[in-house]
PDB file of N, CA and C in Angstrom:
ATOM      1  N   MET A   1     134.062  89.128 104.352  1.00  0.00           N
ATOM      2  CA  MET A   1     134.434  89.709 105.472  1.00  0.00           C
ATOM      3  C   MET A   1     133.857  88.039 106.103  1.00  0.00           C
ATOM      4  N   ALA A   2     135.208  87.534 106.636  1.00  0.00           N
ATOM      5  CA  ALA A   2     134.107  85.981 107.273  1.00  0.00           C
ATOM      6  C   ALA A   2     133.426  86.479 108.390  1.00  0.00           C
ATOM      7  N   GLY A   3     133.081  85.409 109.547  1.00  0.00           N
ATOM      8  CA  GLY A   3     132.358  85.995 110.721  1.00  0.00           C
ATOM      9  C   GLY A   3     132.279  87.135 110.809  1.00  0.00           C
ATOM     10  N   GLU A   4     132.319  88.037 109.650  1.00  0.00           N
ATOM     11  CA  GLU A   4     131.624  89.661 110.604  1.00  0.00           C
ATOM     12  C   GLU A   4     130.896  89.574 110.987  1.00  0.00           C
ATOM     13  N   ASP A   5     130.691  90.962 112.204  1.00  0.00           N
ATOM     14  CA  ASP A   5     129.804  90.910 113.110  1.00  0.00           C
ATOM     15  C   ASP A   5     128.116  91.742 112.774  1.00  0.00           C
ATOM     16  N   TRP A   6     126.652  91.225 113.253  1.00  0.00           N
ATOM     17  CA  TRP A   6     126.066  91.954 112.935  1.00  0.00           C
ATOM     18  C   TRP A   6     125.784  93.341 113.735  1.00  0.00           C
ATOM     19  N   ILE A   7     125.633  94.276 112.721  1.00  0.00           N
ATOM     20  CA  ILE A   7     125.474  95.839 113.445  1.00  0.00           C
ATOM     21  C   ILE A   7     124.029  96.329 113.643  1.00  0.00           C
ATOM     22  N   ASP A   8     124.588  96.734 115.107  1.00  0.00           N
ATOM     23  CA  ASP A   8     123.380  97.231 115.934  1.00  0.00           C
ATOM     24  C   ASP A   8     123.452  98.937 115.530  1.00  0.00           C
ATOM     25  N   LEU A   9     122.440  98.940 115.239  1.00  0.00           N
ATOM     26  CA  LEU A   9     121.574 100.554 114.618  1.00  0.00           C
ATOM     27  C   LEU A   9     120.302 100.844 114.978  1.00  0.00           C
ATOM     28  N   LYS A  10     120.422 102.057 115.379  1.00  0.00           N
ATOM     29  CA  LYS A  10     118.955 102.872 115.951  1.00  0.00           C
ATOM     30  C   LYS A  10     118.868 104.310 114.890  1.00  0.00           C
ATOM     31  N   PHE A  11     117.677 104.596 114.910  1.00  0.00           N
ATOM     32  CA  PHE A  11     117.687 105.538 113.538  1.00  0.00           C
ATOM     33  C   PHE A  11     116.840 106.585 114.133  1.00  0.00           C
ATOM     34  N   ARG A  12     117.304 107.796 114.182  1.00  0.00           N
ATOM     35  CA  ARG A  12     116.860 108.991 115.421  1.00  0.00           C
ATOM     36  C   ARG A  12     115.932 109.921 114.226  1.00  0.00           C
ATOM     37  N   LEU A  13     114.905 109.831 114.311  1.00  0.00           N
ATOM     38  CA  LEU A  13     114.122 110.423 113.817  1.00  0.00           C
ATOM     39  C   LEU A  13     113.744 112.214 114.090  1.00  0.00           C
ATOM     40  N   PHE A  14     113.731 113.103 113.096  1.00  0.00           N
ATOM     41  CA  PHE A  14     113.328 114.782 113.486  1.00  0.00           C
ATOM     42  C   PHE A  14     113.711 115.258 114.517  1.00  0.00           C
ATOM     43  N   ASP A  15     112.398 114.520 115.531  1.00  0.00           N
ATOM     44  CA  ASP A  15     111.703 115.005 116.749  1.00  0.00           C
ATOM     45  C   ASP A  15     112.295 114.655 117.898  1.00  0.00           C
ATOM     46  N   GLY A  16     113.406 113.268 117.738  1.00  0.00           N
ATOM     47  CA  GLY A  16     114.668 113.296 118.739  1.00  0.00           C
ATOM     48  C   GLY A  16     114.275 111.745 118.846  1.00  0.00           C
ATOM     49  N   THR A  17     113.267 111.818 118.966  1.00  0.00           N
ATOM     50  CA  THR A  17     112.579 109.984 119.507  1.00  0.00           C
ATOM     51  C   THR A  17     113.513 109.210 118.054  1.00  0.00           C
ATOM     52  N   ASP A  18     113.456 107.677 119.026  1.00  0.00           N
ATOM     53  CA  ASP A  18     114.595 107.100 117.534  1.00  0.00           C
ATOM     54  C   ASP A  18     113.412 105.509 117.684  1.00  0.00           C
ATOM     55  N   ILE A  19     113.926 105.482 116.395  1.00  0.00           N
ATOM     56  CA  ILE A  19     113.632 103.150 115.783  1.00  0.00           C
ATOM     57  C   ILE A  19     114.605 102.664 116.649  1.00  0.00           C
ATOM     58  N   GLY A  20     114.291 102.098 117.558  1.00  0.00           N
ATOM     59  CA  GLY A  20     115.568 100.669 117.509  1.00  0.00           C
ATOM     60  C   GLY A  20     116.118 100.931 118.726  1.00  0.00           C
ATOM     61  N   PRO A  21     116.956 100.240 119.293  1.00  0.00           N
ATOM     62  CA  PRO A  21     117.888  99.344 118.159  1.00  0.00           C
ATOM     63  C   PRO A  21     117.801  98.425 117.816  1.00  0.00           C
ATOM     64  N   ASN A  22     118.212  98.097 116.064  1.00  0.00           N
ATOM     65  CA  ASN A  22     117.848  96.590 115.621  1.00  0.00           C
ATOM     66  C   ASN A  22     119.044  95.984 115.072  1.00  0.00           C
ATOM     67  N   LYS A  23     119.465  94.723 114.979  1.00  0.00           N
ATOM     68  CA  LYS A  23     121.055  94.245 114.813  1.00  0.00           C
ATOM     69  C   LYS A  23     120.707  94.168 112.876  1.00  0.00           C
ATOM     70  N   PHE A  24     121.408  94.226 111.761  1.00  0.00           N
ATOM     71  CA  PHE A  24     121.556  94.413 110.455  1.00  0.00           C
ATOM     72  C   PHE A  24     123.084  93.700 110.110  1.00  0.00           C
ATOM     73  N   ASN A  25     122.145  92.988 109.463  1.00  0.00           N
ATOM     74  CA  ASN A  25     123.764  92.598 108.537  1.00  0.00           C
ATOM     75  C   ASN A  25     124.633  93.179 107.289  1.00  0.00           C
ATOM     76  N   PRO A  26     124.760  93.254 107.946  1.00  0.00           N
ATOM     77  CA  PRO A  26     126.930  94.378 107.166  1.00  0.00           C
ATOM     78  C   PRO A  26     125.767  94.601 105.757  1.00  0.00           C
ATOM     79  N   SER A  27     125.938  93.293 104.985  1.00  0.00           N
ATOM     80  CA  SER A  27     125.231  92.589 103.845  1.00  0.00           C
ATOM     81  C   SER A  27     123.801  93.408 103.090  1.00  0.00           C
ATOM     82  N   SER A  28     123.531  94.076 104.483  1.00  0.00           N
ATOM     83  CA  SER A  28     122.272  94.852 104.366  1.00  0.00           C
ATOM     84  C   SER A  28     122.124  96.053 103.297  1.00  0.00           C
ATOM     85  N   SER A  29     121.458  96.152 101.989  1.00  0.00           N
ATOM     86  CA  SER A  29     121.208  96.720 101.214  1.00  0.00           C
ATOM     87  C   SER A  29     120.670  98.927 102.639  1.00  0.00           C
ATOM     88  N   VAL A  30     121.465  99.396 101.886  1.00  0.00           N
ATOM     89  CA  VAL A  30     120.286 101.066 102.954  1.00  0.00           C
ATOM     90  C   VAL A  30     118.739 100.916 102.010  1.00  0.00           C
ATOM     91  N   ALA A  31     118.644 100.642 101.000  1.00  0.00           N
ATOM     92  CA  ALA A  31     116.344 100.408 100.746  1.00  0.00           C
ATOM     93  C   ALA A  31     116.616  99.579 101.525  1.00  0.00           C
ATOM     94  N   SER A  32     116.282  98.222 102.498  1.00  0.00           N
ATOM     95  CA  SER A  32     116.315  97.482 103.181  1.00  0.00           C
ATOM     96  C   SER A  32     116.192  98.320 104.353  1.00  0.00           C
ATOM     97  N   LEU A  33     117.203  98.897 104.980  1.00  0.00           N
ATOM     98  CA  LEU A  33     117.003  99.891 106.204  1.00  0.00           C
ATOM     99  C   LEU A  33     115.973 100.955 106.264  1.00  0.00           C
ATOM    100  N   LYS A  34     116.004 101.347 104.961  1.00  0.00           N
ATOM    101  CA  LYS A  34     114.275 102.354 104.423  1.00  0.00           C
ATOM    102  C   LYS A  34     113.404 101.467 104.959  1.00  0.00           C
ATOM    103  N   GLU A  35     113.509 100.651 104.140  1.00  0.00           N
ATOM    104  CA  GLU A  35     111.820  99.267 104.747  1.00  0.00           C
ATOM    105  C   GLU A  35     111.813  99.197 105.835  1.00  0.00           C
ATOM    106  N   SER A  36     112.473  98.792 106.429  1.00  0.00           N
ATOM    107  CA  SER A  36     112.658  98.161 107.927  1.00  0.00           C
ATOM    108  C   SER A  36     111.663  99.461 108.884  1.00  0.00           C
ATOM    109  N   ILE A  37     112.164 101.161 108.537  1.00  0.00           N
ATOM    110  CA  ILE A  37     112.123 102.081 108.696  1.00  0.00           C
ATOM    111  C   ILE A  37     111.175 102.550 108.571  1.00  0.00           C
ATOM    112  N   LEU A  38     110.375 102.083 107.560  1.00  0.00           N
ATOM    113  CA  LEU A  38     109.075 102.421 107.014  1.00  0.00           C
ATOM    114  C   LEU A  38     108.038 101.572 107.350  1.00  0.00           C
ATOM    115  N   SER A  39     107.987 100.524 107.607  1.00  0.00           N
ATOM    116  CA  SER A  39     107.787  99.302 108.346  1.00  0.00           C
ATOM    117  C   SER A  39     107.260  99.717 110.235  1.00  0.00           C
ATOM    118  N   ARG A  40     108.808 100.065 110.733  1.00  0.00           N
ATOM    119  CA  ARG A  40     108.274 100.604 111.937  1.00  0.00           C
ATOM    120  C   ARG A  40     107.841 101.883 112.391  1.00  0.00           C
ATOM    121  N   TRP A  41     107.676 102.772 111.226  1.00  0.00           N
ATOM    122  CA  TRP A  41     107.307 104.530 112.190  1.00  0.00           C
ATOM    123  C   TRP A  41     106.284 104.471 112.753  1.00  0.00           C
ATOM    124  N   PRO A  42     107.066 105.412 113.945  1.00  0.00           N
ATOM    125  CA  PRO A  42     105.190 105.418 114.885  1.00  0.00           C
ATOM    126  C   PRO A  42     104.274 106.235 113.925  1.00  0.00           C
ATOM    127  N   GLN A  43     103.330 105.592 114.465  1.00  0.00           N
ATOM    128  CA  GLN A  43     101.648 106.081 114.142  1.00  0.00           C
ATOM    129  C   GLN A  43     101.277 107.113 114.844  1.00  0.00           C
ATOM    130  N   ASP A  44     101.555 107.237 115.603  1.00  0.00           N
ATOM    131  CA  ASP A  44     101.399 108.836 116.085  1.00  0.00           C
ATOM    132  C   ASP A  44     102.275 110.406 115.758  1.00  0.00           C
ATOM    133  N   LYS A  45     103.341 109.591 114.752  1.00  0.00           N
ATOM    134  CA  LYS A  45     103.907 111.686 113.997  1.00  0.00           C
ATOM    135  C   LYS A  45     102.618 112.099 112.701  1.00  0.00           C
ATOM    136  N   GLU A  46     103.259 113.148 112.875  1.00  0.00           N
ATOM    137  CA  GLU A  46     102.081 113.841 112.110  1.00  0.00           C
ATOM    138  C   GLU A  46     103.329 114.246 111.179  1.00  0.00           C
ATOM    139  N   ILE A  47     103.960 114.302 110.760  1.00  0.00           N
ATOM    140  CA  ILE A  47     104.854 113.789 109.361  1.00  0.00           C
ATOM    141  C   ILE A  47     105.345 111.897 109.429  1.00  0.00           C
ATOM    142  N   ALA A  48     104.941 111.487 108.368  1.00  0.00           N
ATOM    143  CA  ALA A  48     105.626 110.253 108.129  1.00  0.00           C
ATOM    144  C   ALA A  48     105.791 110.021 106.314  1.00  0.00           C
ATOM    145  N   PRO A  49     106.482 109.020 106.545  1.00  0.00           N
ATOM    146  CA  PRO A  49     106.658 109.367 105.056  1.00  0.00           C
ATOM    147  C   PRO A  49     106.068 107.910 104.344  1.00  0.00           C
ATOM    148  N   LYS A  50     105.685 108.157 102.819  1.00  0.00           N
ATOM    149  CA  LYS A  50     105.421 107.418 102.213  1.00  0.00           C
ATOM    150  C   LYS A  50     105.354 106.088 101.788  1.00  0.00           C
ATOM    151  N   THR A  51     107.254 106.021 101.262  1.00  0.00           N
ATOM    152  CA  THR A  51     107.387 105.364 100.380  1.00  0.00           C
ATOM    153  C   THR A  51     109.111 105.518 100.663  1.00  0.00           C
ATOM    154  N   ILE A  52     110.193 104.369 100.377  1.00  0.00           N
ATOM    155  CA  ILE A  52     111.445 104.638 100.742  1.00  0.00           C
ATOM    156  C   ILE A  52     111.810 105.877 100.443  1.00  0.00           C
ATOM    157  N   ASN A  53     112.017 105.664  99.164  1.00  0.00           N
ATOM    158  CA  ASN A  53     112.123 107.164  98.575  1.00  0.00           C
ATOM    159  C   ASN A  53     112.301 108.611  99.306  1.00  0.00           C
ATOM    160  N   ASP A  54     110.628 108.470 100.516  1.00  0.00           N
ATOM    161  CA  ASP A  54     110.766 109.786 100.740  1.00  0.00           C
ATOM    162  C   ASP A  54     111.434 109.849 102.130  1.00  0.00           C
ATOM    163  N   ILE A  55     112.593 109.115 102.205  1.00  0.00           N
ATOM    164  CA  ILE A  55     113.383 108.940 103.496  1.00  0.00           C
ATOM    165  C   ILE A  55     115.228 109.060 102.979  1.00  0.00           C
ATOM    166  N   LYS A  56     115.736 109.393 103.423  1.00  0.00           N
ATOM    167  CA  LYS A  56     117.361 109.854 104.419  1.00  0.00           C
ATOM    168  C   LYS A  56     117.731 109.319 104.809  1.00  0.00           C
ATOM    169  N   LEU A  57     118.766 108.336 104.833  1.00  0.00           N
ATOM    170  CA  LEU A  57     119.491 107.818 106.285  1.00  0.00           C
ATOM    171  C   LEU A  57     120.548 108.988 106.126  1.00  0.00           C
ATOM    172  N   ILE A  58     121.394 109.649 106.819  1.00  0.00           N
ATOM    173  CA  ILE A  58     122.467 110.091 106.993  1.00  0.00           C
ATOM    174  C   ILE A  58     123.054 109.269 108.397  1.00  0.00           C
ATOM    175  N   ASN A  59     124.270 108.892 107.818  1.00  0.00           N
ATOM    176  CA  ASN A  59     125.707 108.596 108.716  1.00  0.00           C
ATOM    177  C   ASN A  59     126.953 109.527 108.564  1.00  0.00           C
ATOM    178  N   ALA A  60     127.062 109.656 110.321  1.00  0.00           N
ATOM    179  CA  ALA A  60     128.401 110.822 110.321  1.00  0.00           C
ATOM    180  C   ALA A  60     128.446 111.529 108.921  1.00  0.00           C
ATOM    181  N   GLY A  61     127.413 112.763 108.648  1.00  0.00           N
ATOM    182  CA  GLY A  61     127.217 113.478 107.858  1.00  0.00           C
ATOM    183  C   GLY A  61     126.669 113.535 106.752  1.00  0.00           C
ATOM    184  N   LYS A  62     127.207 112.286 106.161  1.00  0.00           N
ATOM    185  CA  LYS A  62     126.613 111.368 104.708  1.00  0.00           C
ATOM    186  C   LYS A  62     125.624 111.153 104.569  1.00  0.00           C
ATOM    187  N   ILE A  63     124.935 111.323 102.973  1.00  0.00           N
ATOM    188  CA  ILE A  63     123.799 110.982 102.965  1.00  0.00           C
ATOM    189  C   ILE A  63     124.215 108.836 102.044  1.00  0.00           C
ATOM    190  N   LEU A  64     123.405 108.413 103.009  1.00  0.00           N
ATOM    191  CA  LEU A  64     123.334 106.897 102.341  1.00  0.00           C
ATOM    192  C   LEU A  64     122.955 106.593 100.871  1.00  0.00           C
ATOM    193  N   GLU A  65     123.460 105.789  99.986  1.00  0.00           N
ATOM    194  CA  GLU A  65     122.663 105.373  98.453  1.00  0.00           C
ATOM    195  C   GLU A  65     122.148 104.600  98.856  1.00  0.00           C
ATOM    196  N   ASP A  66     120.909 104.080  98.043  1.00  0.00           N
ATOM    197  CA  ASP A  66     120.299 102.942  98.568  1.00  0.00           C
ATOM    198  C   ASP A  66     120.426 101.950  97.720  1.00  0.00           C
ATOM    199  N   ASN A  67     121.566 101.382  97.199  1.00  0.00           N
ATOM    200  CA  ASN A  67     121.897 101.040  96.357  1.00  0.00           C
ATOM    201  C   ASN A  67     123.180 100.154  96.287  1.00  0.00           C
ATOM    202  N   ARG A  68     123.953 100.881  97.589  1.00  0.00           N
ATOM    203  CA  ARG A  68     125.349 100.266  98.871  1.00  0.00           C
ATOM    204  C   ARG A  68     124.773  99.644  99.520  1.00  0.00           C
ATOM    205  N   THR A  69     125.577  98.545 100.424  1.00  0.00           N
ATOM    206  CA  THR A  69     125.166  98.451 101.960  1.00  0.00           C
ATOM    207  C   THR A  69     125.718  99.202 103.005  1.00  0.00           C
ATOM    208  N   LEU A  70     125.317  97.795 103.839  1.00  0.00           N
ATOM    209  CA  LEU A  70     126.097  98.875 105.196  1.00  0.00           C
ATOM    210  C   LEU A  70     126.782  98.794 105.431  1.00  0.00           C
ATOM    211  N   ALA A  71     127.963  97.856 104.986  1.00  0.00           N
ATOM    212  CA  ALA A  71     128.940  97.389 105.264  1.00  0.00           C
ATOM    213  C   ALA A  71     130.109  98.703 104.771  1.00  0.00           C
ATOM    214  N   GLU A  72     129.238  98.654 103.054  1.00  0.00           N
ATOM    215  CA  GLU A  72     130.353  99.947 102.873  1.00  0.00           C
ATOM    216  C   GLU A  72     129.641 100.824 102.173  1.00  0.00           C
ATOM    217  N   SER A  73     128.429 101.298 103.294  1.00  0.00           N
ATOM    218  CA  SER A  73     128.149 102.732 104.424  1.00  0.00           C
ATOM    219  C   SER A  73     128.016 103.292 105.025  1.00  0.00           C
ATOM    220  N   ARG A  74     129.728 102.503 105.798  1.00  0.00           N
ATOM    221  CA  ARG A  74     129.720 102.686 107.404  1.00  0.00           C
ATOM    222  C   ARG A  74     130.831 103.159 107.831  1.00  0.00           C
ATOM    223  N   VAL A  75     131.184 104.277 108.421  1.00  0.00           N
ATOM    224  CA  VAL A  75     131.874 104.829 108.825  1.00  0.00           C
ATOM    225  C   VAL A  75     132.983 105.120 109.828  1.00  0.00           C
ATOM    226  N   PRO A  76     133.685 103.428 109.613  1.00  0.00           N
ATOM    227  CA  PRO A  76     134.499 102.815 110.944  1.00  0.00           C
ATOM    228  C   PRO A  76     134.904 104.069 112.046  1.00  0.00           C
ATOM    229  N   VAL A  77     135.359 104.940 111.762  1.00  0.00           N
ATOM    230  CA  VAL A  77     136.422 105.935 112.452  1.00  0.00           C
ATOM    231  C   VAL A  77     135.555 106.919 113.834  1.00  0.00           C
ATOM    232  N   GLY A  78     135.766 106.620 114.966  1.00  0.00           N
ATOM    233  CA  GLY A  78     134.701 106.591 116.260  1.00  0.00           C
ATOM    234  C   GLY A  78     133.616 105.605 116.806  1.00  0.00           C
ATOM    235  N   GLU A  79     133.522 104.754 115.718  1.00  0.00           N
ATOM    236  CA  GLU A  79     132.788 103.596 116.019  1.00  0.00           C
ATOM    237  C   GLU A  79     133.568 102.772 117.068  1.00  0.00           C
ATOM    238  N   LEU A  80     132.145 102.268 118.521  1.00  0.00           N
ATOM    239  CA  LEU A  80     133.094 101.283 118.986  1.00  0.00           C
ATOM    240  C   LEU A  80     132.944  99.554 118.905  1.00  0.00           C
ATOM    241  N   PRO A  81     133.096  99.347 119.520  1.00  0.00           N
ATOM    242  CA  PRO A  81     132.831  97.389 119.143  1.00  0.00           C
ATOM    243  C   PRO A  81     132.108  97.592 120.232  1.00  0.00           C
ATOM    244  N   GLY A  82     130.798  96.763 119.332  1.00  0.00           N
ATOM    245  CA  GLY A  82     129.694  96.903 120.347  1.00  0.00           C
ATOM    246  C   GLY A  82     128.462  97.648 121.037  1.00  0.00           C
ATOM    247  N   GLY A  83     129.201  98.814 119.977  1.00  0.00           N
ATOM    248  CA  GLY A  83     128.015  99.830 120.348  1.00  0.00           C
ATOM    249  C   GLY A  83     127.420 100.556 119.528  1.00  0.00           C
ATOM    250  N   VAL A  84     126.033 100.723 119.850  1.00  0.00           N
ATOM    251  CA  VAL A  84     125.172 101.150 118.559  1.00  0.00           C
ATOM    252  C   VAL A  84     124.732 102.546 117.891  1.00  0.00           C
ATOM    253  N   ILE A  85     124.993 102.480 116.401  1.00  0.00           N
ATOM    254  CA  ILE A  85     125.266 103.336 115.878  1.00  0.00           C
ATOM    255  C   ILE A  85     124.237 104.281 115.353  1.00  0.00           C
ATOM    256  N   THR A  86     124.356 105.468 115.548  1.00  0.00           N
ATOM    257  CA  THR A  86     122.870 106.004 115.389  1.00  0.00           C
ATOM    258  C   THR A  86     122.936 106.582 113.816  1.00  0.00           C
ATOM    259  N   MET A  87     121.744 106.327 113.171  1.00  0.00           N
ATOM    260  CA  MET A  87     121.710 107.363 112.396  1.00  0.00           C
ATOM    261  C   MET A  87     120.630 107.647 112.182  1.00  0.00           C
ATOM    262  N   HIS A  88     120.696 109.167 111.581  1.00  0.00           N
ATOM    263  CA  HIS A  88     119.087 109.931 111.437  1.00  0.00           C
ATOM    264  C   HIS A  88     118.627 110.193 110.044  1.00  0.00           C
ATOM    265  N   VAL A  89     117.168 110.418 110.291  1.00  0.00           N
ATOM    266  CA  VAL A  89     116.262 109.876 109.659  1.00  0.00           C
ATOM    267  C   VAL A  89     115.770 111.484 108.978  1.00  0.00           C
ATOM    268  N   VAL A  90     115.414 111.450 107.365  1.00  0.00           N
ATOM    269  CA  VAL A  90     115.510 112.247 107.361  1.00  0.00           C
ATOM    270  C   VAL A  90     114.023 112.229 106.189  1.00  0.00           C
ATOM    271  N   VAL A  91     113.004 113.252 106.343  1.00  0.00           N
ATOM    272  CA  VAL A  91     111.244 112.794 105.757  1.00  0.00           C
ATOM    273  C   VAL A  91     111.615 113.766 104.515  1.00  0.00           C
ATOM    274  N   ARG A  92     111.622 113.425 103.222  1.00  0.00           N
ATOM    275  CA  ARG A  92     111.591 114.585 102.067  1.00  0.00           C
ATOM    276  C   ARG A  92     109.436 115.092 102.488  1.00  0.00           C
ATOM    277  N   PRO A  93     109.473 116.332 102.467  1.00  0.00           N
ATOM    278  CA  PRO A  93     107.878 117.157 102.739  1.00  0.00           C
ATOM    279  C   PRO A  93     107.609 116.523 101.475  1.00  0.00           C
ATOM    280  N   PRO A  94     106.244 116.146 101.358  1.00  0.00           N
ATOM    281  CA  PRO A  94     105.522 115.650 100.539  1.00  0.00           C
ATOM    282  C   PRO A  94     105.262 117.306  99.473  1.00  0.00           C
ATOM    283  N   LEU A  95     105.563 117.164  98.159  1.00  0.00           N
ATOM    284  CA  LEU A  95     105.639 118.099  96.946  1.00  0.00           C
ATOM    285  C   LEU A  95     103.783 118.759  97.330  1.00  0.00           C
ATOM    286  N   PRO A  96     104.069 120.245  97.715  1.00  0.00           N
ATOM    287  CA  PRO A  96     102.684 120.465  97.717  1.00  0.00           C
ATOM    288  C   PRO A  96     102.269 120.971  96.182  1.00  0.00           C
ATOM    289  N   ASP A  97     100.405 121.199  96.371  1.00  0.00           N
ATOM    290  CA  ASP A  97     100.284 120.995  95.073  1.00  0.00           C
ATOM    291  C   ASP A  97      99.464 122.657  94.763  1.00  0.00           C
ATOM    292  N   LYS A  98      98.817 123.168  94.070  1.00  0.00           N
ATOM    293  CA  LYS A  98      98.294 124.700  93.643  1.00  0.00           C
ATOM    294  C   LYS A  98      97.738 124.777  95.000  1.00  0.00           C
ATOM    295  N   HIS A  99      96.431 123.900  95.422  1.00  0.00           N
ATOM    296  CA  HIS A  99      95.726 124.722  96.784  1.00  0.00           C
ATOM    297  C   HIS A  99      96.163 124.495  97.619  1.00  0.00           C
ATOM    298  N   ASN A 100      96.852 123.414  98.115  1.00  0.00           N
ATOM    299  CA  ASN A 100      97.768 123.294  99.420  1.00  0.00           C
ATOM    300  C   ASN A 100      98.585 124.749  99.836  1.00  0.00           C
ATOM    301  N   GLU A 101      99.301 124.705  98.810  1.00  0.00           N
ATOM    302  CA  GLU A 101     100.133 126.226  98.312  1.00  0.00           C
ATOM    303  C   GLU A 101      99.646 126.833  98.964  1.00  0.00           C
ATOM    304  N   LYS A 102      98.209 127.492  98.441  1.00  0.00           N
ATOM    305  CA  LYS A 102      97.709 129.053  98.676  1.00  0.00           C
ATOM    306  C   LYS A 102      97.461 128.955 100.158  1.00  0.00           C
ATOM    307  N   GLN A 103      96.669 127.142 100.900  1.00  0.00           N
ATOM    308  CA  GLN A 103      96.175 127.579 102.064  1.00  0.00           C
ATOM    309  C   GLN A 103      97.949 127.421 103.483  1.00  0.00           C
ATOM    310  N   LEU A 104      98.751 126.892 102.773  1.00  0.00           N
ATOM    311  CA  LEU A 104     100.489 126.862 103.754  1.00  0.00           C
ATOM    312  C   LEU A 104     101.207 128.418 103.869  1.00  0.00           C
ATOM    313  N   ALA A 105     100.753 129.492 102.469  1.00  0.00           N
ATOM    314  CA  ALA A 105     101.061 130.964 102.425  1.00  0.00           C
ATOM    315  C   ALA A 105     100.262 131.377 103.339  1.00  0.00           C
ATOM    316  N   LYS A 106      99.016 131.200 103.571  1.00  0.00           N
ATOM    317  CA  LYS A 106      98.013 131.721 104.951  1.00  0.00           C
ATOM    318  C   LYS A 106      98.268 131.121 106.009  1.00  0.00           C
ATOM    319  N   SER A 107      98.741 130.154 105.971  1.00  0.00           N
ATOM    320  CA  SER A 107      99.455 129.973 107.286  1.00  0.00           C
ATOM    321  C   SER A 107     100.350 130.073 108.133  1.00  0.00           C
ATOM    322  N   PRO A 108     100.094 130.043 109.708  1.00  0.00           N
ATOM    323  CA  PRO A 108     101.481 130.605 110.342  1.00  0.00           C
ATOM    324  C   PRO A 108     102.832 129.640 110.471  1.00  0.00           C
ATOM    325  N   LYS A 109     103.457 130.228 109.835  1.00  0.00           N
ATOM    326  CA  LYS A 109     104.722 129.962 110.141  1.00  0.00           C
ATOM    327  C   LYS A 109     105.711 129.042 110.838  1.00  0.00           C
ATOM    328  N   GLN A 110     105.980 127.519 111.275  1.00  0.00           N
ATOM    329  CA  GLN A 110     105.972 127.044 112.485  1.00  0.00           C
ATOM    330  C   GLN A 110     107.632 126.442 111.927  1.00  0.00           C
ATOM    331  N   ASN A 111     108.082 126.552 112.849  1.00  0.00           N
ATOM    332  CA  ASN A 111     109.404 126.007 113.426  1.00  0.00           C
ATOM    333  C   ASN A 111     110.194 124.615 112.845  1.00  0.00           C
ATOM    334  N   ARG A 112     111.235 124.808 112.629  1.00  0.00           N
ATOM    335  CA  ARG A 112     111.594 123.740 111.089  1.00  0.00           C
ATOM    336  C   ARG A 112     112.913 123.109 111.714  1.00  0.00           C
ATOM    337  N   CYS A 113     112.866 121.768 111.610  1.00  0.00           N
ATOM    338  CA  CYS A 113     114.278 120.677 112.706  1.00  0.00           C
ATOM    339  C   CYS A 113     115.266 121.019 111.626  1.00  0.00           C
ATOM    340  N   THR A 114     116.248 121.391 112.116  1.00  0.00           N
ATOM    341  CA  THR A 114     117.295 121.445 111.439  1.00  0.00           C
ATOM    342  C   THR A 114     118.294 120.730 111.687  1.00  0.00           C
ATOM    343  N   CYS A 115     119.433 119.917 111.037  1.00  0.00           N
ATOM    344  CA  CYS A 115     120.781 118.784 111.495  1.00  0.00           C
ATOM    345  C   CYS A 115     122.215 119.865 111.562  1.00  0.00           C
ATOM    346  N   SER A 116     122.458 119.573 112.843  1.00  0.00           N
ATOM    347  CA  SER A 116     124.092 120.556 112.472  1.00  0.00           C
ATOM    348  C   SER A 116     124.927 119.560 112.896  1.00  0.00           C
ATOM    349  N   ILE A 117     125.401 118.751 112.013  1.00  0.00           N
ATOM    350  CA  ILE A 117     127.133 118.317 112.316  1.00  0.00           C
ATOM    351  C   ILE A 117     128.069 118.610 112.474  1.00  0.00           C
ATOM    352  N   LEU A 118     128.818 118.478 113.332  1.00  0.00           N
ATOM    353  CA  LEU A 118     129.871 119.356 114.033  1.00  0.00           C
ATOM    354  C   LEU A 118     131.287 118.371 113.580  1.00  0.00           C
TER     355      LEU A 118
END
């Protein structure tokens, strides 16, 4: 599509903080969005992704695929012209090794963040 506008996106982290908003070209891949998130990840977060494979992006209840473009991944219903689209960022927890698994079993349970899409 000729003359396609850049898309304003912000990324909502598990604790409710945001990265962005920033403008992205509709031809940007989901993998490049993840790279942008990784490079802008707040340093003070206890949970942080190590690679783009540790990040899942969710838009309108759908997990976005790395090999698709932003234009292919958009859900146009309900978007306002000139509005900022919020995508949710989920970080895959690191795989525990046997030693950490035993320590985790002994530690008190912590509340985990959950998302409900209505």
